[in-house]
N, C-alpha and C. Protein backbone atom coordinates (compact mmCIF):
# COMPACT_ATOMS: atom_id res chain seq x y z
N MET A 1 0.83 -1.17 0.00
CA MET A 1 0.00 0.00 0.00
C MET A 1 0.88 1.25 0.00
N LYS A 2 0.55 2.22 -0.84
CA LYS A 2 1.34 3.44 -0.94
C LYS A 2 0.92 4.45 0.12
N LYS A 3 1.89 5.18 0.60
CA LYS A 3 1.60 6.27 1.51
C LYS A 3 1.13 7.47 0.70
N THR A 4 0.44 8.37 1.36
CA THR A 4 -0.03 9.56 0.64
C THR A 4 1.12 10.45 0.19
N THR A 5 2.28 10.34 0.85
CA THR A 5 3.43 11.12 0.44
C THR A 5 4.07 10.56 -0.83
N ASP A 6 3.78 9.28 -1.16
CA ASP A 6 4.32 8.66 -2.36
C ASP A 6 3.54 9.07 -3.61
N ILE A 7 2.34 9.59 -3.44
CA ILE A 7 1.53 9.97 -4.59
C ILE A 7 2.00 11.32 -5.11
N ILE A 8 2.37 11.34 -6.37
CA ILE A 8 2.85 12.57 -7.00
C ILE A 8 1.66 13.30 -7.59
N PRO A 9 1.44 14.57 -7.20
CA PRO A 9 0.31 15.31 -7.76
C PRO A 9 0.53 15.59 -9.24
N ILE A 10 -0.56 15.58 -9.97
CA ILE A 10 -0.50 15.85 -11.39
C ILE A 10 -0.31 17.34 -11.59
N LYS A 11 0.67 17.71 -12.41
CA LYS A 11 0.95 19.11 -12.69
C LYS A 11 0.57 19.44 -14.13
N TRP A 12 -0.08 20.54 -14.29
CA TRP A 12 -0.44 21.04 -15.62
C TRP A 12 0.38 22.30 -15.85
N PHE A 13 0.94 22.44 -17.04
CA PHE A 13 1.72 23.61 -17.40
C PHE A 13 0.94 24.43 -18.42
N VAL A 14 1.18 25.73 -18.43
CA VAL A 14 0.45 26.64 -19.32
C VAL A 14 1.30 26.94 -20.54
N LEU A 15 0.74 26.69 -21.72
CA LEU A 15 1.41 27.01 -22.98
C LEU A 15 0.75 28.23 -23.60
N PHE A 16 1.57 29.13 -24.14
CA PHE A 16 1.04 30.22 -24.94
C PHE A 16 1.00 29.77 -26.39
N THR A 17 -0.05 30.16 -27.09
CA THR A 17 -0.19 29.82 -28.51
C THR A 17 -0.27 31.11 -29.32
N LYS A 18 -0.24 30.95 -30.61
CA LYS A 18 -0.49 32.11 -31.47
C LYS A 18 -1.93 32.54 -31.24
N PRO A 19 -2.25 33.81 -31.51
CA PRO A 19 -3.63 34.28 -31.27
C PRO A 19 -4.66 33.46 -32.04
N ARG A 20 -5.72 33.07 -31.34
CA ARG A 20 -6.84 32.29 -31.87
C ARG A 20 -6.43 30.93 -32.44
N HIS A 21 -5.37 30.36 -31.91
CA HIS A 21 -4.93 29.02 -32.32
C HIS A 21 -5.15 27.98 -31.23
N GLU A 22 -5.85 28.36 -30.15
CA GLU A 22 -5.97 27.49 -28.98
C GLU A 22 -6.58 26.13 -29.32
N LEU A 23 -7.71 26.14 -30.03
CA LEU A 23 -8.41 24.89 -30.31
C LEU A 23 -7.64 24.02 -31.30
N LYS A 24 -6.97 24.63 -32.26
CA LYS A 24 -6.18 23.86 -33.22
C LYS A 24 -4.97 23.24 -32.52
N VAL A 25 -4.30 24.01 -31.65
CA VAL A 25 -3.16 23.48 -30.90
C VAL A 25 -3.62 22.36 -29.98
N LEU A 26 -4.76 22.54 -29.32
CA LEU A 26 -5.32 21.50 -28.45
C LEU A 26 -5.55 20.21 -29.23
N GLU A 27 -6.13 20.33 -30.39
CA GLU A 27 -6.39 19.17 -31.25
C GLU A 27 -5.08 18.48 -31.64
N ARG A 28 -4.09 19.26 -32.01
CA ARG A 28 -2.79 18.69 -32.43
C ARG A 28 -2.06 18.03 -31.26
N LEU A 29 -2.13 18.65 -30.07
CA LEU A 29 -1.48 18.06 -28.90
C LEU A 29 -2.10 16.71 -28.55
N ILE A 30 -3.42 16.65 -28.58
CA ILE A 30 -4.10 15.39 -28.26
C ILE A 30 -3.78 14.32 -29.28
N SER A 31 -3.73 14.69 -30.57
CA SER A 31 -3.40 13.70 -31.59
C SER A 31 -1.94 13.27 -31.49
N PHE A 32 -1.10 14.09 -30.88
CA PHE A 32 0.32 13.78 -30.68
C PHE A 32 0.52 12.92 -29.44
N GLY A 33 -0.56 12.68 -28.65
CA GLY A 33 -0.48 11.83 -27.47
C GLY A 33 -0.19 12.58 -26.19
N ILE A 34 -0.37 13.89 -26.20
CA ILE A 34 -0.11 14.71 -25.02
C ILE A 34 -1.46 15.07 -24.40
N ASP A 35 -1.56 14.89 -23.09
CA ASP A 35 -2.77 15.23 -22.35
C ASP A 35 -2.88 16.75 -22.28
N ALA A 36 -3.92 17.32 -22.90
CA ALA A 36 -4.08 18.77 -22.96
C ALA A 36 -5.53 19.16 -22.71
N TYR A 37 -5.71 20.41 -22.27
CA TYR A 37 -7.06 20.90 -21.98
C TYR A 37 -7.09 22.42 -22.11
N THR A 38 -8.17 22.93 -22.65
CA THR A 38 -8.46 24.35 -22.62
C THR A 38 -9.97 24.50 -22.43
N PRO A 39 -10.39 25.32 -21.48
CA PRO A 39 -11.83 25.50 -21.28
C PRO A 39 -12.42 26.27 -22.46
N THR A 40 -13.60 25.83 -22.88
CA THR A 40 -14.26 26.47 -24.02
C THR A 40 -15.66 26.90 -23.65
N GLN A 41 -16.22 27.72 -24.51
CA GLN A 41 -17.57 28.22 -24.31
C GLN A 41 -18.22 28.36 -25.68
N ILE A 42 -19.50 28.06 -25.75
CA ILE A 42 -20.24 28.21 -27.00
C ILE A 42 -20.97 29.55 -26.93
N VAL A 43 -20.71 30.39 -27.93
CA VAL A 43 -21.34 31.71 -27.99
C VAL A 43 -22.04 31.88 -29.33
N THR A 44 -23.01 32.76 -29.34
CA THR A 44 -23.71 33.08 -30.58
C THR A 44 -23.14 34.38 -31.12
N ARG A 45 -22.68 34.34 -32.35
CA ARG A 45 -22.14 35.53 -33.01
C ARG A 45 -23.07 35.90 -34.17
N GLN A 46 -23.21 37.18 -34.37
CA GLN A 46 -24.10 37.63 -35.43
C GLN A 46 -23.30 38.39 -36.48
N TRP A 47 -23.48 37.97 -37.73
CA TRP A 47 -22.95 38.67 -38.87
C TRP A 47 -24.10 39.42 -39.54
N SER A 48 -23.83 40.11 -40.59
CA SER A 48 -24.88 40.89 -41.24
C SER A 48 -25.96 40.00 -41.86
N ASP A 49 -25.61 38.78 -42.22
CA ASP A 49 -26.57 37.91 -42.90
C ASP A 49 -27.02 36.69 -42.10
N ARG A 50 -26.38 36.42 -40.94
CA ARG A 50 -26.74 35.21 -40.21
C ARG A 50 -26.25 35.27 -38.77
N LYS A 51 -26.77 34.34 -37.96
CA LYS A 51 -26.28 34.10 -36.61
C LYS A 51 -25.67 32.71 -36.59
N LYS A 52 -24.63 32.53 -35.82
CA LYS A 52 -23.97 31.24 -35.77
C LYS A 52 -23.43 30.99 -34.37
N LYS A 53 -23.53 29.75 -33.89
CA LYS A 53 -22.96 29.36 -32.61
C LYS A 53 -21.56 28.84 -32.88
N ILE A 54 -20.58 29.42 -32.18
CA ILE A 54 -19.19 29.01 -32.35
C ILE A 54 -18.59 28.69 -30.98
N THR A 55 -17.54 27.89 -30.99
CA THR A 55 -16.82 27.53 -29.77
C THR A 55 -15.59 28.42 -29.66
N ILE A 56 -15.44 29.06 -28.52
CA ILE A 56 -14.27 29.90 -28.28
C ILE A 56 -13.56 29.43 -27.02
N ALA A 57 -12.26 29.71 -26.93
CA ALA A 57 -11.48 29.37 -25.75
C ALA A 57 -11.65 30.45 -24.69
N LEU A 58 -11.84 30.04 -23.44
CA LEU A 58 -12.00 31.00 -22.35
C LEU A 58 -10.68 31.61 -21.90
N LEU A 59 -9.59 30.91 -22.13
CA LEU A 59 -8.27 31.43 -21.81
C LEU A 59 -7.59 31.81 -23.12
N PRO A 60 -7.62 33.08 -23.49
CA PRO A 60 -7.07 33.48 -24.78
C PRO A 60 -5.59 33.14 -24.92
N SER A 61 -5.25 32.49 -26.00
CA SER A 61 -3.88 32.11 -26.34
C SER A 61 -3.22 31.19 -25.32
N MET A 62 -4.02 30.39 -24.59
CA MET A 62 -3.45 29.47 -23.59
C MET A 62 -4.05 28.08 -23.70
N VAL A 63 -3.19 27.08 -23.51
CA VAL A 63 -3.59 25.68 -23.46
C VAL A 63 -2.85 25.06 -22.28
N LEU A 64 -3.53 24.23 -21.51
CA LEU A 64 -2.92 23.53 -20.38
C LEU A 64 -2.46 22.15 -20.83
N VAL A 65 -1.24 21.76 -20.46
CA VAL A 65 -0.71 20.45 -20.84
C VAL A 65 -0.20 19.71 -19.61
N ASN A 66 -0.41 18.40 -19.63
CA ASN A 66 0.08 17.52 -18.57
C ASN A 66 1.18 16.67 -19.19
N LEU A 67 2.40 16.86 -18.74
CA LEU A 67 3.54 16.17 -19.35
C LEU A 67 4.20 15.21 -18.37
N GLU A 68 3.46 14.22 -17.92
CA GLU A 68 4.02 13.24 -17.01
C GLU A 68 5.09 12.43 -17.74
N ASN A 69 6.30 12.45 -17.21
CA ASN A 69 7.43 11.66 -17.72
C ASN A 69 7.70 11.89 -19.20
N LYS A 70 7.44 13.08 -19.69
CA LYS A 70 7.74 13.41 -21.08
C LYS A 70 8.66 14.63 -21.12
N ASP A 71 9.39 14.74 -22.21
CA ASP A 71 10.28 15.88 -22.41
C ASP A 71 9.44 17.14 -22.56
N PRO A 72 9.68 18.18 -21.76
CA PRO A 72 8.86 19.39 -21.84
C PRO A 72 9.00 20.14 -23.16
N ASN A 73 10.08 19.91 -23.89
CA ASN A 73 10.29 20.60 -25.16
C ASN A 73 9.58 19.94 -26.33
N ILE A 74 8.93 18.80 -26.09
CA ILE A 74 8.23 18.09 -27.16
C ILE A 74 7.06 18.91 -27.71
N VAL A 75 6.51 19.81 -26.89
CA VAL A 75 5.36 20.61 -27.33
C VAL A 75 5.73 21.59 -28.43
N PHE A 76 7.00 21.94 -28.55
CA PHE A 76 7.41 22.90 -29.57
C PHE A 76 7.44 22.29 -30.97
N ASP A 77 7.20 20.98 -31.08
CA ASP A 77 7.05 20.33 -32.38
C ASP A 77 5.67 20.60 -32.97
N ILE A 78 4.76 21.11 -32.16
CA ILE A 78 3.38 21.37 -32.58
C ILE A 78 3.30 22.78 -33.17
N PRO A 79 2.81 22.91 -34.40
CA PRO A 79 2.66 24.25 -34.98
C PRO A 79 1.64 25.07 -34.18
N GLY A 80 1.98 26.32 -33.91
CA GLY A 80 1.10 27.21 -33.18
C GLY A 80 1.50 27.43 -31.74
N VAL A 81 2.38 26.59 -31.18
CA VAL A 81 2.85 26.75 -29.81
C VAL A 81 3.96 27.81 -29.81
N VAL A 82 3.85 28.78 -28.90
CA VAL A 82 4.84 29.86 -28.84
C VAL A 82 5.84 29.62 -27.72
N ARG A 83 5.34 29.49 -26.48
CA ARG A 83 6.24 29.32 -25.33
C ARG A 83 5.44 28.89 -24.11
N TYR A 84 6.16 28.58 -23.04
CA TYR A 84 5.53 28.31 -21.75
C TYR A 84 5.30 29.62 -21.01
N LEU A 85 4.32 29.64 -20.11
CA LEU A 85 4.13 30.75 -19.19
C LEU A 85 5.05 30.51 -18.01
N PHE A 86 5.80 31.54 -17.60
CA PHE A 86 6.73 31.42 -16.49
C PHE A 86 6.28 32.26 -15.32
N ASP A 87 6.55 31.77 -14.11
CA ASP A 87 6.26 32.48 -12.88
C ASP A 87 7.50 32.39 -12.00
N GLN A 88 8.13 33.52 -11.74
CA GLN A 88 9.34 33.61 -10.93
C GLN A 88 10.46 32.71 -11.46
N GLY A 89 10.64 32.69 -12.76
CA GLY A 89 11.73 31.95 -13.38
C GLY A 89 11.48 30.47 -13.60
N LYS A 90 10.31 29.97 -13.21
CA LYS A 90 9.98 28.56 -13.41
C LYS A 90 8.70 28.46 -14.23
N ARG A 91 8.54 27.33 -14.91
CA ARG A 91 7.30 27.15 -15.66
C ARG A 91 6.12 27.18 -14.70
N ALA A 92 5.10 27.95 -15.05
CA ALA A 92 3.92 28.09 -14.19
C ALA A 92 3.18 26.75 -14.12
N VAL A 93 2.75 26.40 -12.92
CA VAL A 93 2.07 25.13 -12.68
C VAL A 93 0.64 25.39 -12.24
N VAL A 94 -0.28 24.62 -12.80
CA VAL A 94 -1.69 24.65 -12.40
C VAL A 94 -1.98 23.30 -11.76
N SER A 95 -2.62 23.31 -10.61
CA SER A 95 -2.90 22.05 -9.92
C SER A 95 -4.00 21.27 -10.63
N ASN A 96 -3.98 19.98 -10.42
CA ASN A 96 -4.99 19.12 -11.02
C ASN A 96 -6.39 19.46 -10.52
N ALA A 97 -6.50 19.86 -9.26
CA ALA A 97 -7.81 20.22 -8.69
C ALA A 97 -8.42 21.41 -9.43
N GLU A 98 -7.58 22.37 -9.81
CA GLU A 98 -8.08 23.53 -10.55
C GLU A 98 -8.55 23.15 -11.95
N VAL A 99 -7.84 22.25 -12.59
CA VAL A 99 -8.23 21.79 -13.93
C VAL A 99 -9.52 20.99 -13.86
N VAL A 100 -9.65 20.14 -12.87
CA VAL A 100 -10.88 19.35 -12.70
C VAL A 100 -12.06 20.29 -12.44
N ALA A 101 -11.84 21.34 -11.65
CA ALA A 101 -12.90 22.31 -11.38
C ALA A 101 -13.34 23.00 -12.68
N MET A 102 -12.39 23.33 -13.54
CA MET A 102 -12.74 23.95 -14.83
C MET A 102 -13.50 22.98 -15.72
N GLN A 103 -13.12 21.71 -15.69
CA GLN A 103 -13.79 20.72 -16.52
C GLN A 103 -15.20 20.44 -16.05
N CYS A 104 -15.46 20.56 -14.76
CA CYS A 104 -16.77 20.28 -14.21
C CYS A 104 -17.73 21.46 -14.30
N TYR A 105 -17.20 22.66 -14.52
CA TYR A 105 -18.05 23.84 -14.60
C TYR A 105 -18.95 23.72 -15.82
N PRO A 106 -20.26 23.90 -15.66
CA PRO A 106 -21.17 23.70 -16.79
C PRO A 106 -20.97 24.72 -17.89
N LYS A 107 -21.02 24.24 -19.13
CA LYS A 107 -20.91 25.13 -20.28
C LYS A 107 -22.27 25.79 -20.51
N GLN A 108 -22.23 27.06 -20.79
CA GLN A 108 -23.48 27.80 -20.99
C GLN A 108 -23.43 28.48 -22.35
N TYR A 109 -24.61 28.74 -22.86
CA TYR A 109 -24.72 29.50 -24.08
C TYR A 109 -24.82 30.97 -23.71
N ILE A 110 -23.94 31.76 -24.25
CA ILE A 110 -23.93 33.19 -23.96
C ILE A 110 -24.04 33.94 -25.28
N THR A 111 -24.88 34.93 -25.31
CA THR A 111 -25.04 35.74 -26.50
C THR A 111 -24.25 37.03 -26.33
N ASP A 112 -23.40 37.32 -27.28
CA ASP A 112 -22.63 38.57 -27.23
C ASP A 112 -23.45 39.73 -27.73
């Protein structure tokens, strides 16, 4: 039986992407075998001739990645990835509890 101190918490790192490339980068990371997440929202946008529901990222230009036992530089092979977010000289870490809370938050339809 493992002690609670032996359990390593899951760490998520924040990647910056090119503007409005969040969903494409997310798709590419997942197809590359990397655990990734970005919270999204469905909004209704109106053009002069129609209304359309589109999916947008709630964190502009950011994607969260979980790189357990993988090289952190592997993400730069994905087109659209710019860099990691840093906090005090280290890659910024988001706890697994925060990511789970974002995943459980209900998606709503919002009209702009």
